[in-house]
Amino acid sequence: MGTASLGMYDAPFVAPANDALWAAVAARLRAAGLADVPAALDRTRPLAAIWQAPDLLFAQTCGYPLVTTLRDVVRPVAAPIYRWPGCQGATHRSVVVVATGSPADGLAALIGARAAINGRDSNTGMNLFRRALADVAAGAPMFGEVIETGSHLASLAAVRDGEADAAAIDAVTFALATHHRPELTAGLRVVATTPVSPSLPFVTRRDAAPALVAALVEALAGAIADPVNAAATTALGLVAVQPVTFADYAVVRRYAEEAAALGYPALA
């Protein structure tokens, strides 16, 4: 069977919604005559392995790897449209959070602070944060320390628990946590936002035929629009999808280039 994943937003509190959404998408794909449609999402392998899988049917990835390490591996299918704050059309941004009691009143106030990032290959946790900071960094390092946490939820915890002073969190993750597990964002406040970026793309394998890409878009859009799946889409904040290509994500690489041109090539 093929491989399917919705691992980018798959915390335990939304995993049942992802399962329900995939069941609806998979049923539509089978009805359209596709073979090798997996019955369940793959949660047994790291996302990096899933993206590289030769039998990849459907997954979601981050915009920064899409335009760097995955450009010759996957093919963008569609971008999700979410109802959450910080999302407009098929775009999102990051929110920069600090502890409620922090005196920071903007990005410039974070000089010398400890920053938490989910990973160096993250668009929302690193690339958008870097681009926003480049405007105030004046070509010098911003932080006294940068901590890699491995996930946005772990970055929230690091700031909440005093292990870091600030973090850039994907607006969708921040909204999902606030909506489903408000204790995860309690004690935090948003001190700034980053530039917007295309939302995290749904992808398939690089050599997928155009007919398969079209079938995936149709099945995904149909499942989201179907009132039968309203509980799942409401839990995920998912409103619709918009077909996309690599060209739609060129801005992700441009932000990296702009930060470098401003003398801030690495988040530090």
C-alpha atoms as a PDB file:
ATOM      1  CA  MET A   1       0.000   0.000   0.000  1.00  0.00           C
ATOM      2  CA  GLY A   2       1.037   3.614  -0.433  1.00  0.00           C
ATOM      3  CA  THR A   3       2.133   5.921   2.372  1.00  0.00           C
ATOM      4  CA  ALA A   4      -0.014   8.698   3.847  1.00  0.00           C
ATOM      5  CA  SER A   5       0.744  11.111   6.676  1.00  0.00           C
ATOM      6  CA  LEU A   6      -0.665  14.229   8.286  1.00  0.00           C
ATOM      7  CA  GLY A   7       2.207  14.500  10.697  1.00  0.00           C
ATOM      8  CA  MET A   8       2.832  18.238  10.681  1.00  0.00           C
ATOM      9  CA  TYR A   9      -0.193  18.979  12.872  1.00  0.00           C
ATOM     10  CA  ASP A  10      -0.744  15.641  14.563  1.00  0.00           C
ATOM     11  CA  ALA A  11      -0.490  16.215  18.309  1.00  0.00           C
ATOM     12  CA  PRO A  12      -2.501  13.681  20.318  1.00  0.00           C
ATOM     13  CA  PHE A  13      -5.320  16.154  20.818  1.00  0.00           C
ATOM     14  CA  VAL A  14      -5.968  16.403  17.042  1.00  0.00           C
ATOM     15  CA  ALA A  15      -4.899  12.913  15.949  1.00  0.00           C
ATOM     16  CA  PRO A  16      -8.514  11.604  15.928  1.00  0.00           C
ATOM     17  CA  ALA A  17      -9.518  14.482  13.645  1.00  0.00           C
ATOM     18  CA  ASN A  18      -6.654  13.683  11.282  1.00  0.00           C
ATOM     19  CA  ASP A  19      -7.690  10.032  11.236  1.00  0.00           C
ATOM     20  CA  ALA A  20     -11.256  10.997  10.350  1.00  0.00           C
ATOM     21  CA  LEU A  21     -10.130  13.393   7.636  1.00  0.00           C
ATOM     22  CA  TRP A  22      -7.837  10.805   6.073  1.00  0.00           C
ATOM     23  CA  ALA A  23     -10.585   8.171   6.136  1.00  0.00           C
ATOM     24  CA  ALA A  24     -12.813  10.548   4.169  1.00  0.00           C
ATOM     25  CA  VAL A  25     -10.059  11.432   1.680  1.00  0.00           C
ATOM     26  CA  ALA A  26      -9.060   7.786   1.228  1.00  0.00           C
ATOM     27  CA  ALA A  27     -12.662   6.749   0.539  1.00  0.00           C
ATOM     28  CA  ARG A  28     -12.912   9.367  -2.189  1.00  0.00           C
ATOM     29  CA  LEU A  29      -9.634   8.263  -3.736  1.00  0.00           C
ATOM     30  CA  ARG A  30     -10.766   4.650  -3.831  1.00  0.00           C
ATOM     31  CA  ALA A  31     -14.098   5.690  -5.323  1.00  0.00           C
ATOM     32  CA  ALA A  32     -12.129   7.500  -8.045  1.00  0.00           C
ATOM     33  CA  GLY A  33     -10.410   4.218  -8.923  1.00  0.00           C
ATOM     34  CA  LEU A  34      -7.033   4.697  -7.241  1.00  0.00           C
ATOM     35  CA  ALA A  35      -5.226   1.603  -6.019  1.00  0.00           C
ATOM     36  CA  ASP A  36      -2.814   1.295  -3.094  1.00  0.00           C
ATOM     37  CA  VAL A  37      -4.634   3.840  -0.929  1.00  0.00           C
ATOM     38  CA  PRO A  38      -3.608   3.162   2.692  1.00  0.00           C
ATOM     39  CA  ALA A  39      -6.357   2.743   5.238  1.00  0.00           C
ATOM     40  CA  ALA A  40      -4.433   4.500   8.002  1.00  0.00           C
ATOM     41  CA  LEU A  41      -1.957   7.318   8.440  1.00  0.00           C
ATOM     42  CA  ASP A  42       1.669   6.305   8.994  1.00  0.00           C
ATOM     43  CA  ARG A  43       2.804   7.253  12.484  1.00  0.00           C
ATOM     44  CA  THR A  44       5.538   4.624  12.683  1.00  0.00           C
ATOM     45  CA  ARG A  45       8.312   6.475  10.855  1.00  0.00           C
ATOM     46  CA  PRO A  46       9.922   9.911  11.195  1.00  0.00           C
ATOM     47  CA  LEU A  47       8.516  12.518   8.833  1.00  0.00           C
ATOM     48  CA  ALA A  48      11.844  12.740   7.002  1.00  0.00           C
ATOM     49  CA  ALA A  49      11.542   9.054   6.096  1.00  0.00           C
ATOM     50  CA  ILE A  50       7.914   9.423   5.051  1.00  0.00           C
ATOM     51  CA  TRP A  51       8.709  12.318   2.707  1.00  0.00           C
ATOM     52  CA  GLN A  52      11.430  10.213   1.086  1.00  0.00           C
ATOM     53  CA  ALA A  53       9.250   7.103   0.727  1.00  0.00           C
ATOM     54  CA  PRO A  54       9.104   5.944  -2.921  1.00  0.00           C
ATOM     55  CA  ASP A  55       5.445   4.965  -2.445  1.00  0.00           C
ATOM     56  CA  LEU A  56       4.435   8.311  -0.915  1.00  0.00           C
ATOM     57  CA  LEU A  57       0.841   9.074  -1.786  1.00  0.00           C
ATOM     58  CA  PHE A  58       0.012  11.976   0.473  1.00  0.00           C
ATOM     59  CA  ALA A  59       1.708  13.956   3.226  1.00  0.00           C
ATOM     60  CA  GLN A  60       2.220  17.459   4.532  1.00  0.00           C
ATOM     61  CA  THR A  61       5.586  19.134   4.872  1.00  0.00           C
ATOM     62  CA  CYS A  62       7.150  22.417   5.896  1.00  0.00           C
ATOM     63  CA  GLY A  63       7.731  25.140   3.319  1.00  0.00           C
ATOM     64  CA  TYR A  64      11.455  25.480   4.032  1.00  0.00           C
ATOM     65  CA  PRO A  65      12.416  21.853   3.339  1.00  0.00           C
ATOM     66  CA  LEU A  66      10.091  21.971   0.339  1.00  0.00           C
ATOM     67  CA  VAL A  67      12.302  24.544  -1.393  1.00  0.00           C
ATOM     68  CA  THR A  68      15.600  23.107  -0.131  1.00  0.00           C
ATOM     69  CA  THR A  69      16.136  19.421   0.649  1.00  0.00           C
ATOM     70  CA  LEU A  70      12.836  18.105  -0.729  1.00  0.00           C
ATOM     71  CA  ARG A  71      12.671  19.950  -4.022  1.00  0.00           C
ATOM     72  CA  ASP A  72      13.637  16.859  -6.033  1.00  0.00           C
ATOM     73  CA  VAL A  73      11.770  14.447  -3.764  1.00  0.00           C
ATOM     74  CA  VAL A  74       8.169  15.640  -3.415  1.00  0.00           C
ATOM     75  CA  ARG A  75       5.635  17.595  -5.433  1.00  0.00           C
ATOM     76  CA  PRO A  76       3.301  20.167  -3.859  1.00  0.00           C
ATOM     77  CA  VAL A  77      -0.377  19.397  -4.310  1.00  0.00           C
ATOM     78  CA  ALA A  78      -2.360  21.989  -2.363  1.00  0.00           C
ATOM     79  CA  ALA A  79      -2.067  24.479   0.470  1.00  0.00           C
ATOM     80  CA  PRO A  80      -4.571  24.406   3.322  1.00  0.00           C
ATOM     81  CA  ILE A  81      -6.734  27.351   4.269  1.00  0.00           C
ATOM     82  CA  TYR A  82      -7.294  27.648   8.012  1.00  0.00           C
ATOM     83  CA  ARG A  83      -9.731  29.710  10.043  1.00  0.00           C
ATOM     84  CA  TRP A  84      -7.242  30.462  12.801  1.00  0.00           C
ATOM     85  CA  PRO A  85      -5.860  33.926  13.696  1.00  0.00           C
ATOM     86  CA  GLY A  86      -2.701  34.639  11.717  1.00  0.00           C
ATOM     87  CA  CYS A  87      -4.001  32.783   8.675  1.00  0.00           C
ATOM     88  CA  GLN A  88      -5.437  34.525   5.636  1.00  0.00           C
ATOM     89  CA  GLY A  89      -6.271  32.562   2.521  1.00  0.00           C
ATOM     90  CA  ALA A  90      -3.648  29.873   1.962  1.00  0.00           C
ATOM     91  CA  THR A  91      -1.067  31.696   4.111  1.00  0.00           C
ATOM     92  CA  HIS A  92       0.037  31.729   7.712  1.00  0.00           C
ATOM     93  CA  ARG A  93       2.706  33.358   9.835  1.00  0.00           C
ATOM     94  CA  SER A  94       4.476  32.795  13.114  1.00  0.00           C
ATOM     95  CA  VAL A  95       3.753  34.434  16.424  1.00  0.00           C
ATOM     96  CA  VAL A  96       6.687  35.329  18.661  1.00  0.00           C
ATOM     97  CA  VAL A  97       5.822  34.429  22.229  1.00  0.00           C
ATOM     98  CA  VAL A  98       7.327  35.374  25.569  1.00  0.00           C
ATOM     99  CA  ALA A  99       6.263  34.731  29.140  1.00  0.00           C
ATOM    100  CA  THR A 100       3.414  36.915  30.338  1.00  0.00           C
ATOM    101  CA  GLY A 101       5.703  38.568  32.861  1.00  0.00           C
ATOM    102  CA  SER A 102       8.465  39.315  30.365  1.00  0.00           C
ATOM    103  CA  PRO A 103       9.304  43.000  29.923  1.00  0.00           C
ATOM    104  CA  ALA A 104       9.875  42.475  26.180  1.00  0.00           C
ATOM    105  CA  ASP A 105       7.697  44.769  24.068  1.00  0.00           C
ATOM    106  CA  GLY A 106       8.980  43.872  20.596  1.00  0.00           C
ATOM    107  CA  LEU A 107      11.698  42.058  18.688  1.00  0.00           C
ATOM    108  CA  ALA A 108      14.373  44.623  19.518  1.00  0.00           C
ATOM    109  CA  ALA A 109      13.841  43.881  23.203  1.00  0.00           C
ATOM    110  CA  LEU A 110      14.987  40.277  22.640  1.00  0.00           C
ATOM    111  CA  ILE A 111      18.674  41.141  22.147  1.00  0.00           C
ATOM    112  CA  GLY A 112      20.699  38.859  24.385  1.00  0.00           C
ATOM    113  CA  ALA A 113      17.726  36.640  25.192  1.00  0.00           C
ATOM    114  CA  ARG A 114      17.506  32.849  24.955  1.00  0.00           C
ATOM    115  CA  ALA A 115      15.534  31.732  21.918  1.00  0.00           C
ATOM    116  CA  ALA A 116      13.848  28.358  21.423  1.00  0.00           C
ATOM    117  CA  ILE A 117      13.364  26.987  17.912  1.00  0.00           C
ATOM    118  CA  ASN A 118      11.824  23.706  16.861  1.00  0.00           C
ATOM    119  CA  GLY A 119      14.572  23.093  14.272  1.00  0.00           C
ATOM    120  CA  ARG A 120      17.006  24.763  11.918  1.00  0.00           C
ATOM    121  CA  ASP A 121      15.029  23.493   8.918  1.00  0.00           C
ATOM    122  CA  SER A 122      11.712  24.994  10.039  1.00  0.00           C
ATOM    123  CA  ASN A 123      10.128  27.791   8.048  1.00  0.00           C
ATOM    124  CA  THR A 124       7.920  29.035  10.874  1.00  0.00           C
ATOM    125  CA  GLY A 125      10.278  28.373  13.758  1.00  0.00           C
ATOM    126  CA  MET A 126      13.495  29.565  12.099  1.00  0.00           C
ATOM    127  CA  ASN A 127      13.174  31.060   8.617  1.00  0.00           C
ATOM    128  CA  LEU A 128      10.293  33.479   9.257  1.00  0.00           C
ATOM    129  CA  PHE A 129      11.757  34.322  12.666  1.00  0.00           C
ATOM    130  CA  ARG A 130      15.140  35.033  11.049  1.00  0.00           C
ATOM    131  CA  ARG A 131      13.550  37.298   8.441  1.00  0.00           C
ATOM    132  CA  ALA A 132      11.663  39.287  11.070  1.00  0.00           C
ATOM    133  CA  LEU A 133      14.755  39.626  13.252  1.00  0.00           C
ATOM    134  CA  ALA A 134      16.954  40.707  10.322  1.00  0.00           C
ATOM    135  CA  ASP A 135      15.201  44.071  10.293  1.00  0.00           C
ATOM    136  CA  VAL A 136      16.299  44.826  13.863  1.00  0.00           C
ATOM    137  CA  ALA A 137      19.518  42.821  14.236  1.00  0.00           C
ATOM    138  CA  ALA A 138      21.721  45.336  12.381  1.00  0.00           C
ATOM    139  CA  GLY A 139      23.881  42.468  11.141  1.00  0.00           C
ATOM    140  CA  ALA A 140      24.780  41.219  14.622  1.00  0.00           C
ATOM    141  CA  PRO A 141      23.707  38.132  16.575  1.00  0.00           C
ATOM    142  CA  MET A 142      20.443  38.683  18.441  1.00  0.00           C
ATOM    143  CA  PHE A 143      20.492  35.991  21.099  1.00  0.00           C
ATOM    144  CA  GLY A 144      22.678  34.880  23.941  1.00  0.00           C
ATOM    145  CA  GLU A 145      21.633  31.293  23.246  1.00  0.00           C
ATOM    146  CA  VAL A 146      19.519  29.377  20.711  1.00  0.00           C
ATOM    147  CA  ILE A 147      17.949  26.142  21.957  1.00  0.00           C
ATOM    148  CA  GLU A 148      16.650  23.530  19.500  1.00  0.00           C
ATOM    149  CA  THR A 149      13.631  21.808  21.047  1.00  0.00           C
ATOM    150  CA  GLY A 150      12.444  19.497  18.259  1.00  0.00           C
ATOM    151  CA  SER A 151       8.862  20.746  18.075  1.00  0.00           C
ATOM    152  CA  HIS A 152       6.732  23.864  18.409  1.00  0.00           C
ATOM    153  CA  LEU A 153       4.940  22.402  21.432  1.00  0.00           C
ATOM    154  CA  ALA A 154       8.310  21.805  23.087  1.00  0.00           C
ATOM    155  CA  SER A 155       9.293  25.406  22.304  1.00  0.00           C
ATOM    156  CA  LEU A 156       6.091  26.629  23.968  1.00  0.00           C
ATOM    157  CA  ALA A 157       6.968  24.556  27.007  1.00  0.00           C
ATOM    158  CA  ALA A 158      10.523  25.912  27.061  1.00  0.00           C
ATOM    159  CA  VAL A 159       9.285  29.504  27.206  1.00  0.00           C
ATOM    160  CA  ARG A 160       6.507  28.658  29.654  1.00  0.00           C
ATOM    161  CA  ASP A 161       8.926  26.838  31.977  1.00  0.00           C
ATOM    162  CA  GLY A 162      11.604  29.536  31.854  1.00  0.00           C
ATOM    163  CA  GLU A 163      14.122  27.525  29.850  1.00  0.00           C
ATOM    164  CA  ALA A 164      13.932  30.077  27.011  1.00  0.00           C
ATOM    165  CA  ASP A 165      12.819  33.686  26.762  1.00  0.00           C
ATOM    166  CA  ALA A 166      11.149  33.672  23.352  1.00  0.00           C
ATOM    167  CA  ALA A 167      10.123  31.431  20.464  1.00  0.00           C
ATOM    168  CA  ALA A 168       8.504  31.768  17.062  1.00  0.00           C
ATOM    169  CA  ILE A 169       5.506  29.439  16.855  1.00  0.00           C
ATOM    170  CA  ASP A 170       3.530  28.550  13.761  1.00  0.00           C
ATOM    171  CA  ALA A 171       0.182  30.347  14.050  1.00  0.00           C
ATOM    172  CA  VAL A 172      -1.726  27.126  13.331  1.00  0.00           C
ATOM    173  CA  THR A 173       0.080  25.207  16.067  1.00  0.00           C
ATOM    174  CA  PHE A 174      -0.429  28.092  18.495  1.00  0.00           C
ATOM    175  CA  ALA A 175      -4.147  28.229  17.695  1.00  0.00           C
ATOM    176  CA  LEU A 176      -4.606  24.454  17.926  1.00  0.00           C
ATOM    177  CA  ALA A 177      -2.899  24.392  21.308  1.00  0.00           C
ATOM    178  CA  THR A 178      -4.861  27.388  22.582  1.00  0.00           C
ATOM    179  CA  HIS A 179      -8.168  25.920  21.366  1.00  0.00           C
ATOM    180  CA  HIS A 180      -7.711  22.301  22.450  1.00  0.00           C
ATOM    181  CA  ARG A 181      -5.203  22.515  25.315  1.00  0.00           C
ATOM    182  CA  PRO A 182      -5.230  26.091  26.661  1.00  0.00           C
ATOM    183  CA  GLU A 183      -2.882  25.118  29.456  1.00  0.00           C
ATOM    184  CA  LEU A 184      -0.134  24.801  26.826  1.00  0.00           C
ATOM    185  CA  THR A 185      -0.266  28.517  26.014  1.00  0.00           C
ATOM    186  CA  ALA A 186      -1.340  29.831  29.426  1.00  0.00           C
ATOM    187  CA  GLY A 187       1.271  32.177  30.845  1.00  0.00           C
ATOM    188  CA  LEU A 188       2.465  33.215  27.388  1.00  0.00           C
ATOM    189  CA  ARG A 189       1.786  36.304  25.304  1.00  0.00           C
ATOM    190  CA  VAL A 190       2.445  37.283  21.703  1.00  0.00           C
ATOM    191  CA  VAL A 191       5.005  40.050  21.441  1.00  0.00           C
ATOM    192  CA  ALA A 192       5.397  40.167  17.633  1.00  0.00           C
ATOM    193  CA  THR A 193       4.451  38.419  14.410  1.00  0.00           C
ATOM    194  CA  THR A 194       6.517  37.450  11.387  1.00  0.00           C
ATOM    195  CA  PRO A 195       5.944  38.033   7.672  1.00  0.00           C
ATOM    196  CA  VAL A 196       3.363  35.775   6.051  1.00  0.00           C
ATOM    197  CA  SER A 197       4.226  32.626   4.147  1.00  0.00           C
ATOM    198  CA  PRO A 198       2.253  30.037   2.167  1.00  0.00           C
ATOM    199  CA  SER A 199       0.734  27.513   4.557  1.00  0.00           C
ATOM    200  CA  LEU A 200       2.282  24.081   4.979  1.00  0.00           C
ATOM    201  CA  PRO A 201       1.836  22.253   1.662  1.00  0.00           C
ATOM    202  CA  PHE A 202       0.207  18.909   1.117  1.00  0.00           C
ATOM    203  CA  VAL A 203       2.549  16.921  -1.122  1.00  0.00           C
ATOM    204  CA  THR A 204       2.927  13.681  -3.018  1.00  0.00           C
ATOM    205  CA  ARG A 205       5.954  11.951  -4.542  1.00  0.00           C
ATOM    206  CA  ARG A 206       7.925  13.926  -7.137  1.00  0.00           C
ATOM    207  CA  ASP A 207       7.105  11.620 -10.074  1.00  0.00           C
ATOM    208  CA  ALA A 208       3.340  11.577  -9.458  1.00  0.00           C
ATOM    209  CA  ALA A 209       1.313  11.892 -12.648  1.00  0.00           C
ATOM    210  CA  PRO A 210      -0.809  15.038 -13.119  1.00  0.00           C
ATOM    211  CA  ALA A 211      -3.922  12.867 -12.926  1.00  0.00           C
ATOM    212  CA  LEU A 212      -2.929  11.677  -9.462  1.00  0.00           C
ATOM    213  CA  VAL A 213      -2.279  15.236  -8.290  1.00  0.00           C
ATOM    214  CA  ALA A 214      -5.702  16.300  -9.586  1.00  0.00           C
ATOM    215  CA  ALA A 215      -7.354  13.339  -7.861  1.00  0.00           C
ATOM    216  CA  LEU A 216      -5.694  14.210  -4.557  1.00  0.00           C
ATOM    217  CA  VAL A 217      -6.842  17.828  -4.752  1.00  0.00           C
ATOM    218  CA  GLU A 218     -10.385  16.793  -5.621  1.00  0.00           C
ATOM    219  CA  ALA A 219     -10.573  14.187  -2.843  1.00  0.00           C
ATOM    220  CA  LEU A 220      -9.127  16.543  -0.241  1.00  0.00           C
ATOM    221  CA  ALA A 221     -11.335  19.467  -1.211  1.00  0.00           C
ATOM    222  CA  GLY A 222     -14.404  17.252  -1.324  1.00  0.00           C
ATOM    223  CA  ALA A 223     -13.729  15.718   2.081  1.00  0.00           C
ATOM    224  CA  ILE A 224     -13.213  19.128   3.685  1.00  0.00           C
ATOM    225  CA  ALA A 225     -16.406  20.524   2.156  1.00  0.00           C
ATOM    226  CA  ASP A 226     -18.536  17.521   3.131  1.00  0.00           C
ATOM    227  CA  PRO A 227     -20.668  18.346   6.216  1.00  0.00           C
ATOM    228  CA  VAL A 228     -20.262  14.737   7.351  1.00  0.00           C
ATOM    229  CA  ASN A 229     -16.648  15.605   8.211  1.00  0.00           C
ATOM    230  CA  ALA A 230     -17.443  18.868   9.996  1.00  0.00           C
ATOM    231  CA  ALA A 231     -16.289  17.651  13.409  1.00  0.00           C
ATOM    232  CA  ALA A 232     -12.845  16.805  12.064  1.00  0.00           C
ATOM    233  CA  THR A 233     -12.376  19.928   9.962  1.00  0.00           C
ATOM    234  CA  THR A 234     -13.626  22.143  12.785  1.00  0.00           C
ATOM    235  CA  ALA A 235     -11.159  20.567  15.209  1.00  0.00           C
ATOM    236  CA  LEU A 236      -8.341  21.180  12.723  1.00  0.00           C
ATOM    237  CA  GLY A 237      -9.560  24.644  11.745  1.00  0.00           C
ATOM    238  CA  LEU A 238      -9.436  23.508   8.117  1.00  0.00           C
ATOM    239  CA  VAL A 239     -11.702  25.446   5.753  1.00  0.00           C
ATOM    240  CA  ALA A 240     -10.544  24.556   2.224  1.00  0.00           C
ATOM    241  CA  VAL A 241      -7.472  23.934   0.073  1.00  0.00           C
ATOM    242  CA  GLN A 242      -5.884  25.788  -2.810  1.00  0.00           C
ATOM    243  CA  PRO A 243      -3.834  24.070  -5.541  1.00  0.00           C
ATOM    244  CA  VAL A 244      -0.181  25.179  -5.468  1.00  0.00           C
ATOM    245  CA  THR A 245       3.115  24.650  -7.252  1.00  0.00           C
ATOM    246  CA  PHE A 246       6.744  25.187  -6.282  1.00  0.00           C
ATOM    247  CA  ALA A 247       6.477  28.749  -7.606  1.00  0.00           C
ATOM    248  CA  ASP A 248       4.048  29.628  -4.818  1.00  0.00           C
ATOM    249  CA  TYR A 249       6.768  28.845  -2.266  1.00  0.00           C
ATOM    250  CA  ALA A 250       9.523  30.945  -3.831  1.00  0.00           C
ATOM    251  CA  VAL A 251       8.910  33.561  -1.131  1.00  0.00           C
ATOM    252  CA  VAL A 252      10.241  31.108   1.469  1.00  0.00           C
ATOM    253  CA  ARG A 253      13.668  31.082  -0.164  1.00  0.00           C
ATOM    254  CA  ARG A 254      13.452  34.823  -0.801  1.00  0.00           C
ATOM    255  CA  TYR A 255      13.062  35.495   2.924  1.00  0.00           C
ATOM    256  CA  ALA A 256      16.295  33.580   3.538  1.00  0.00           C
ATOM    257  CA  GLU A 257      18.069  35.612   0.867  1.00  0.00           C
ATOM    258  CA  GLU A 258      16.724  38.893   2.239  1.00  0.00           C
ATOM    259  CA  ALA A 259      17.893  38.052   5.746  1.00  0.00           C
ATOM    260  CA  ALA A 260      21.363  37.273   4.417  1.00  0.00           C
ATOM    261  CA  ALA A 261      21.420  40.532   2.456  1.00  0.00           C
ATOM    262  CA  LEU A 262      20.604  42.366   5.690  1.00  0.00           C
ATOM    263  CA  GLY A 263      23.612  40.736   7.375  1.00  0.00           C
ATOM    264  CA  TYR A 264      21.662  38.118   9.336  1.00  0.00           C
ATOM    265  CA  PRO A 265      22.183  34.860   7.397  1.00  0.00           C
ATOM    266  CA  ALA A 266      21.749  32.564  10.390  1.00  0.00           C
ATOM    267  CA  LEU A 267      19.413  32.778  13.359  1.00  0.00           C
ATOM    268  CA  ALA A 268      21.781  33.460  16.215  1.00  0.00           C
END
